[in-house]
Amino acid sequence: MPDPLRTEILIAPGFVPTELAAALDCLRIANRVSGREHFKWAIVSANGKSSVTSLGGMEVTAVPVAKAATSPDLLIIPGGSGISDCLRDVLPRLHRVNHRGGCALAMSDAARALLVAGMTERAAVHWETRAVLEEEGLAPNCVPVIFLREGKLVTSAGMASAYDALITLIAEFCSPQVAGTVARILLLERFRIGSAEQPQGVSNMPNLPDGPLRAALALMEMNTEEPISTHTIARSIMVSTRQMERLFARYLGTSPNKYYRQIRLHKARILIEGSKLSLSQVALACGFESHSHFSRVFKNRYGVTPYDVRSRLLHQ
């Protein structure tokens, strides 16, 4: 009987619990349904601590990276807010896995971090991250699919797409039959191929009617740095301003102007949390000419100021 595939799940502070859970459940169920230990895994902390706290405050016991076993056959790196700060410990691990002919799966923020570090020319990253990559000049290298394989490196948009990437790897390392059984046990009607496009932005929300409303939202999403007027949007989608206002009121419960501001504030929060831009630069990138106005409407929306959000991140 072949030896188990040595698998390491490498987590950093602020990791995404969904992605860790996806890895643990998929590997655990694969072992159970196949009747043998295909995967033998360890949770390893990238920051060298014996416990790591996730987004949301869940604490997980882990093996410090310095005490972990020799490089694994399969390296899984969930995303999270702290992964970029731990790259100096992650990259040597990744190099050793590559040198030994192993495989690595980097999810969401981890995929973005590897792209920024030049470890891959292209990566599948979560659609929200595109706003940060645009400011870093790397948006053309961001592929809007759920996961992407480049040789022995798989990058994934993370969140629910973590299951699709992991089940595909299980099909490779175990068998398609085992992978299919894992998907059924997880109550996944089907698992998506890597080239499936991510659902992106509010214009792709499934409960909206096709037509002018989606077109208006798409224009808003594409013009956050230099917002365009409601009249211009209405004319572009060939409806009257009043018709557009009725569509927004009926399906979104608000006015076009207020929803447009929400889109820009959502982008602002992503940039505050995920980029090194100054708060003044974030304000300009999201169409707010006055920093004081930006701070005021941001607090009205989220209950905290942009400075509060950035300060909290710096002291994590």
Protein backbone atom coordinates (compact mmCIF):
# COMPACT_ATOMS: atom_id res chain seq x y z
CA MET A 1 0.00 0.00 0.00
CA PRO A 2 1.47 3.43 -0.96
CA ASP A 3 2.54 5.78 1.81
CA PRO A 4 0.10 8.60 2.68
CA LEU A 5 0.59 11.87 0.87
CA ARG A 6 2.34 14.16 3.35
CA THR A 7 0.13 17.24 3.49
CA GLU A 8 0.76 20.53 5.25
CA ILE A 9 -1.87 23.21 5.84
CA LEU A 10 0.11 26.40 6.43
CA ILE A 11 -1.87 29.14 8.19
CA ALA A 12 -1.01 32.72 9.14
CA PRO A 13 -2.68 35.10 11.62
CA GLY A 14 -6.04 36.27 10.31
CA PHE A 15 -6.51 33.14 8.18
CA VAL A 16 -9.91 32.46 6.56
CA PRO A 17 -11.75 29.77 8.61
CA THR A 18 -13.83 28.69 5.59
CA GLU A 19 -10.70 27.72 3.67
CA LEU A 20 -9.12 25.81 6.56
CA ALA A 21 -12.39 23.95 7.14
CA ALA A 22 -12.64 23.10 3.43
CA ALA A 23 -9.17 21.57 3.46
CA LEU A 24 -9.73 19.56 6.64
CA ASP A 25 -13.15 18.26 5.60
CA CYS A 26 -12.12 17.29 2.07
CA LEU A 27 -8.99 15.43 3.21
CA ARG A 28 -10.78 13.75 6.13
CA ILE A 29 -13.70 12.55 4.00
CA ALA A 30 -11.37 11.37 1.22
CA ASN A 31 -9.55 9.14 3.71
CA ARG A 32 -12.81 7.78 5.09
CA VAL A 33 -14.50 6.91 1.79
CA SER A 34 -11.37 5.40 0.23
CA GLY A 35 -10.82 3.09 3.19
CA ARG A 36 -7.20 4.08 3.70
CA GLU A 37 -5.06 7.04 4.70
CA HIS A 38 -4.43 8.79 1.40
CA PHE A 39 -3.54 12.04 3.18
CA LYS A 40 -1.61 12.55 6.41
CA TRP A 41 -1.75 16.18 7.36
CA ALA A 42 -0.48 18.70 9.88
CA ILE A 43 -1.59 22.27 10.54
CA VAL A 44 1.51 24.47 10.61
CA SER A 45 1.77 28.10 11.72
CA ALA A 46 3.58 30.40 9.32
CA ASN A 47 4.41 32.86 12.10
CA GLY A 48 6.13 30.24 14.28
CA LYS A 49 3.56 30.33 17.09
CA SER A 50 1.82 27.29 18.60
CA SER A 51 -1.62 28.82 18.12
CA VAL A 52 -3.00 31.03 15.37
CA THR A 53 -6.09 33.25 15.45
CA SER A 54 -8.37 33.49 12.42
CA LEU A 55 -10.50 36.26 11.02
CA GLY A 56 -13.36 36.34 13.48
CA GLY A 57 -11.24 35.26 16.44
CA MET A 58 -11.17 31.45 16.19
CA GLU A 59 -7.95 30.08 17.72
CA VAL A 60 -6.33 26.99 16.21
CA THR A 61 -3.47 24.93 17.61
CA ALA A 62 -0.65 24.52 15.10
CA VAL A 63 2.91 23.24 14.77
CA PRO A 64 5.40 26.13 14.48
CA VAL A 65 6.93 26.10 11.00
CA ALA A 66 10.45 25.67 12.41
CA LYS A 67 9.39 22.42 14.12
CA ALA A 68 7.40 21.01 11.19
CA ALA A 69 8.51 17.88 9.38
CA THR A 70 10.42 17.94 6.11
CA SER A 71 8.71 19.59 3.17
CA PRO A 72 5.35 18.02 2.28
CA ASP A 73 4.09 16.47 -0.95
CA LEU A 74 1.03 18.74 -0.87
CA LEU A 75 1.16 22.25 0.59
CA ILE A 76 -2.17 24.02 1.22
CA ILE A 77 -2.10 27.72 2.10
CA PRO A 78 -5.43 29.28 3.12
CA GLY A 79 -5.75 33.02 2.61
CA GLY A 80 -6.02 35.64 5.29
CA SER A 81 -4.98 39.11 6.33
CA GLY A 82 -1.58 38.06 7.72
CA ILE A 83 -0.25 35.85 4.95
CA SER A 84 1.71 38.63 3.20
CA ASP A 85 3.60 39.42 6.40
CA CYS A 86 4.64 35.75 6.71
CA LEU A 87 5.90 35.33 3.14
CA ARG A 88 9.53 35.17 4.25
CA ASP A 89 8.64 31.89 5.99
CA VAL A 90 6.20 30.67 3.35
CA LEU A 91 8.36 31.08 0.25
CA PRO A 92 11.23 28.76 1.33
CA ARG A 93 8.60 26.13 2.12
CA LEU A 94 7.08 26.56 -1.31
CA HIS A 95 10.48 26.37 -3.02
CA ARG A 96 11.22 23.06 -1.27
CA VAL A 97 7.88 21.61 -2.29
CA ASN A 98 8.53 22.62 -5.91
CA HIS A 99 12.06 21.18 -5.79
CA ARG A 100 10.73 17.83 -4.58
CA GLY A 101 8.06 17.73 -7.30
CA GLY A 102 5.21 18.36 -4.89
CA CYS A 103 2.05 20.38 -5.42
CA ALA A 104 0.87 23.59 -3.74
CA LEU A 105 -2.58 25.17 -3.43
CA ALA A 106 -2.68 28.87 -2.49
CA MET A 107 -6.08 30.39 -1.77
CA SER A 108 -7.45 33.95 -1.96
CA ASP A 109 -4.99 36.31 -0.19
CA ALA A 110 -2.23 33.70 -0.41
CA ALA A 111 -2.68 33.54 -4.19
CA ARG A 112 -2.48 37.32 -4.38
CA ALA A 113 0.64 37.38 -2.17
CA LEU A 114 2.43 34.89 -4.44
CA LEU A 115 1.46 36.96 -7.49
CA VAL A 116 2.83 40.15 -5.91
CA ALA A 117 6.01 38.29 -4.87
CA GLY A 118 6.58 37.14 -8.47
CA MET A 119 6.19 33.44 -7.64
CA THR A 120 3.68 33.10 -10.48
CA GLU A 121 2.90 35.16 -13.56
CA ARG A 122 -0.86 34.59 -13.30
CA ALA A 123 -3.18 33.72 -10.45
CA ALA A 124 -6.84 33.17 -9.69
CA VAL A 125 -7.70 35.55 -6.87
CA HIS A 126 -10.99 36.59 -5.30
CA TRP A 127 -12.80 39.23 -7.34
CA GLU A 128 -12.72 41.69 -4.42
CA THR A 129 -8.91 41.60 -4.53
CA ARG A 130 -8.87 42.93 -8.08
CA ALA A 131 -9.35 46.47 -6.74
CA VAL A 132 -6.08 46.15 -4.81
CA LEU A 133 -4.25 44.56 -7.76
CA GLU A 134 -5.40 47.40 -10.02
CA GLU A 135 -3.70 49.88 -7.72
CA GLU A 136 -0.56 47.68 -7.70
CA GLY A 137 -0.51 47.43 -11.50
CA LEU A 138 -1.11 43.67 -11.46
CA ALA A 139 -4.75 43.47 -12.56
CA PRO A 140 -3.82 42.00 -16.01
CA ASN A 141 -2.20 39.05 -14.18
CA CYS A 142 -5.39 38.34 -12.24
CA VAL A 143 -7.53 35.65 -13.88
CA PRO A 144 -11.26 35.85 -12.92
CA VAL A 145 -11.76 32.08 -12.62
CA ILE A 146 -12.38 29.99 -9.52
CA PHE A 147 -9.01 28.26 -9.65
CA LEU A 148 -6.03 28.10 -11.98
CA ARG A 149 -3.27 25.52 -12.35
CA GLU A 150 0.17 26.60 -13.55
CA GLY A 151 2.43 23.55 -13.38
CA LYS A 152 2.58 22.36 -9.77
CA LEU A 153 1.00 25.53 -8.35
CA VAL A 154 -2.76 25.88 -8.04
CA THR A 155 -4.15 29.30 -7.14
CA SER A 156 -7.75 29.59 -6.00
CA ALA A 157 -10.17 32.45 -5.44
CA GLY A 158 -10.81 30.87 -2.05
CA MET A 159 -14.04 30.76 -0.02
CA ALA A 160 -16.44 28.20 -1.57
CA SER A 161 -14.14 27.68 -4.57
CA ALA A 162 -11.67 26.06 -2.15
CA TYR A 163 -13.89 22.97 -2.26
CA ASP A 164 -13.77 22.83 -6.07
CA ALA A 165 -9.96 23.08 -6.13
CA LEU A 166 -9.51 20.51 -3.36
CA ILE A 167 -11.93 18.00 -4.88
CA THR A 168 -10.10 18.32 -8.21
CA LEU A 169 -6.81 17.54 -6.43
CA ILE A 170 -8.43 14.57 -4.69
CA ALA A 171 -9.50 13.26 -8.09
CA GLU A 172 -5.85 13.49 -9.17
CA PHE A 173 -4.24 12.01 -6.06
CA CYS A 174 -6.93 9.42 -5.26
CA SER A 175 -9.47 8.82 -8.04
CA PRO A 176 -12.43 10.57 -9.71
CA GLN A 177 -14.71 8.13 -7.89
CA VAL A 178 -13.37 9.16 -4.47
CA ALA A 179 -13.62 12.84 -5.44
CA GLY A 180 -17.22 12.39 -6.57
CA THR A 181 -18.14 10.67 -3.31
CA VAL A 182 -16.52 13.45 -1.29
CA ALA A 183 -18.59 16.00 -3.22
CA ARG A 184 -21.82 14.09 -2.58
CA ILE A 185 -21.09 13.76 1.15
CA LEU A 186 -20.50 17.53 1.25
CA LEU A 187 -23.91 17.90 -0.47
CA LEU A 188 -22.31 19.53 -3.48
CA GLU A 189 -24.55 18.80 -6.43
CA ARG A 190 -21.56 19.25 -8.67
CA PHE A 191 -18.07 20.68 -8.43
CA ARG A 192 -16.91 23.31 -10.87
CA ILE A 193 -13.96 23.12 -13.21
CA GLY A 194 -11.18 25.63 -12.67
CA SER A 195 -12.05 27.74 -15.72
CA ALA A 196 -15.54 28.52 -14.38
CA GLU A 197 -15.86 32.27 -13.96
CA GLN A 198 -16.30 33.80 -10.53
CA PRO A 199 -19.59 35.58 -9.80
CA GLN A 200 -18.34 39.15 -9.54
CA GLY A 201 -19.83 42.30 -8.14
CA VAL A 202 -23.41 43.39 -7.59
CA SER A 203 -24.14 43.39 -11.33
CA ASN A 204 -23.86 39.57 -11.22
CA MET A 205 -26.31 39.04 -8.36
CA PRO A 206 -28.65 36.21 -9.45
CA ASN A 207 -31.88 37.76 -8.12
CA LEU A 208 -31.71 40.81 -10.40
CA PRO A 209 -33.49 41.01 -13.74
CA ASP A 210 -31.40 41.09 -16.89
CA GLY A 211 -31.40 44.38 -18.74
CA PRO A 212 -31.02 48.03 -17.74
CA LEU A 213 -30.49 47.52 -13.99
CA ARG A 214 -27.54 45.13 -14.49
CA ALA A 215 -26.11 47.46 -17.13
CA ALA A 216 -26.37 50.44 -14.74
CA LEU A 217 -24.64 48.53 -11.93
CA ALA A 218 -21.87 47.39 -14.28
CA LEU A 219 -21.21 51.02 -15.28
CA MET A 220 -21.04 52.03 -11.63
CA GLU A 221 -18.58 49.24 -10.84
CA MET A 222 -16.36 50.26 -13.76
CA ASN A 223 -16.37 53.96 -12.80
CA THR A 224 -15.54 54.21 -9.11
CA GLU A 225 -12.54 56.54 -9.38
CA GLU A 226 -14.41 59.11 -11.48
CA PRO A 227 -18.12 58.64 -10.75
CA ILE A 228 -20.57 59.48 -13.51
CA SER A 229 -23.93 61.12 -13.02
CA THR A 230 -27.25 59.31 -12.76
CA HIS A 231 -28.40 61.14 -15.90
CA THR A 232 -25.34 59.93 -17.86
CA ILE A 233 -25.83 56.34 -16.70
CA ALA A 234 -29.54 56.43 -17.62
CA ARG A 235 -28.74 57.77 -21.06
CA SER A 236 -26.06 55.11 -21.59
CA ILE A 237 -28.48 52.27 -20.82
CA MET A 238 -31.26 53.95 -22.82
CA VAL A 239 -33.82 54.57 -20.08
CA SER A 240 -35.02 57.76 -18.45
CA THR A 241 -33.59 58.89 -15.12
CA ARG A 242 -37.00 58.29 -13.54
CA GLN A 243 -37.17 54.74 -14.94
CA MET A 244 -33.74 53.98 -13.52
CA GLU A 245 -34.73 55.36 -10.12
CA ARG A 246 -37.80 53.10 -10.11
CA LEU A 247 -35.67 50.03 -10.94
CA PHE A 248 -33.27 50.75 -8.06
CA ALA A 249 -36.15 51.38 -5.65
CA ARG A 250 -37.95 48.17 -6.66
CA TYR A 251 -35.02 45.73 -6.65
CA LEU A 252 -32.46 47.33 -4.34
CA GLY A 253 -34.61 49.45 -2.05
CA THR A 254 -32.59 52.62 -2.51
CA SER A 255 -31.71 55.35 -5.00
CA PRO A 256 -29.03 55.08 -7.72
CA ASN A 257 -26.90 57.71 -6.00
CA LYS A 258 -26.97 55.96 -2.62
CA TYR A 259 -26.21 52.56 -4.13
CA TYR A 260 -23.38 54.01 -6.20
CA ARG A 261 -21.89 55.42 -3.01
CA GLN A 262 -22.16 51.97 -1.35
CA ILE A 263 -20.21 50.40 -4.23
CA ARG A 264 -17.46 53.02 -3.87
CA LEU A 265 -17.34 52.64 -0.08
CA HIS A 266 -17.10 48.86 -0.41
CA LYS A 267 -14.10 49.29 -2.71
CA ALA A 268 -12.62 51.78 -0.23
CA ARG A 269 -12.84 49.25 2.60
CA ILE A 270 -11.11 46.62 0.45
CA LEU A 271 -8.27 49.05 -0.31
CA ILE A 272 -7.92 50.13 3.32
CA GLU A 273 -7.70 46.52 4.50
CA GLY A 274 -5.70 45.05 1.61
CA SER A 275 -3.36 47.72 0.23
CA LYS A 276 -0.60 50.07 1.39
CA LEU A 277 -2.32 53.14 -0.09
CA SER A 278 -2.65 56.14 2.20
CA LEU A 279 -6.19 57.00 3.27
CA SER A 280 -6.09 60.09 1.03
CA GLN A 281 -5.12 57.89 -1.93
CA VAL A 282 -7.95 55.49 -1.10
CA ALA A 283 -10.41 58.38 -1.04
CA LEU A 284 -9.29 59.54 -4.50
CA ALA A 285 -9.30 55.98 -5.91
CA CYS A 286 -12.94 55.69 -4.87
CA GLY A 287 -14.13 59.03 -6.21
CA PHE A 288 -14.08 61.15 -3.05
CA GLU A 289 -12.26 64.45 -3.61
CA SER A 290 -12.47 65.52 0.05
CA HIS A 291 -10.86 63.33 2.71
CA SER A 292 -13.19 64.75 5.37
CA HIS A 293 -16.28 63.92 3.28
CA PHE A 294 -14.92 60.42 2.64
CA SER A 295 -14.32 59.86 6.35
CA ARG A 296 -17.79 61.08 7.24
CA VAL A 297 -19.74 58.93 4.74
CA PHE A 298 -17.52 55.92 5.52
CA LYS A 299 -18.36 56.20 9.23
CA ASN A 300 -22.06 56.61 8.42
CA ARG A 301 -21.89 53.37 6.44
CA TYR A 302 -19.65 51.20 8.67
CA GLY A 303 -19.80 52.84 12.10
CA VAL A 304 -16.03 53.42 12.18
CA THR A 305 -13.72 55.82 10.36
CA PRO A 306 -11.19 54.75 7.72
CA TYR A 307 -8.46 55.58 10.22
CA ASP A 308 -10.05 53.24 12.79
CA VAL A 309 -10.05 50.36 10.31
CA ARG A 310 -6.43 50.90 9.25
CA SER A 311 -5.28 51.40 12.86
CA ARG A 312 -6.94 48.16 13.98
CA LEU A 313 -5.16 46.23 11.22
CA LEU A 314 -1.78 47.71 12.15
CA HIS A 315 -2.19 46.58 15.77
CA GLN A 316 -3.36 43.04 15.10
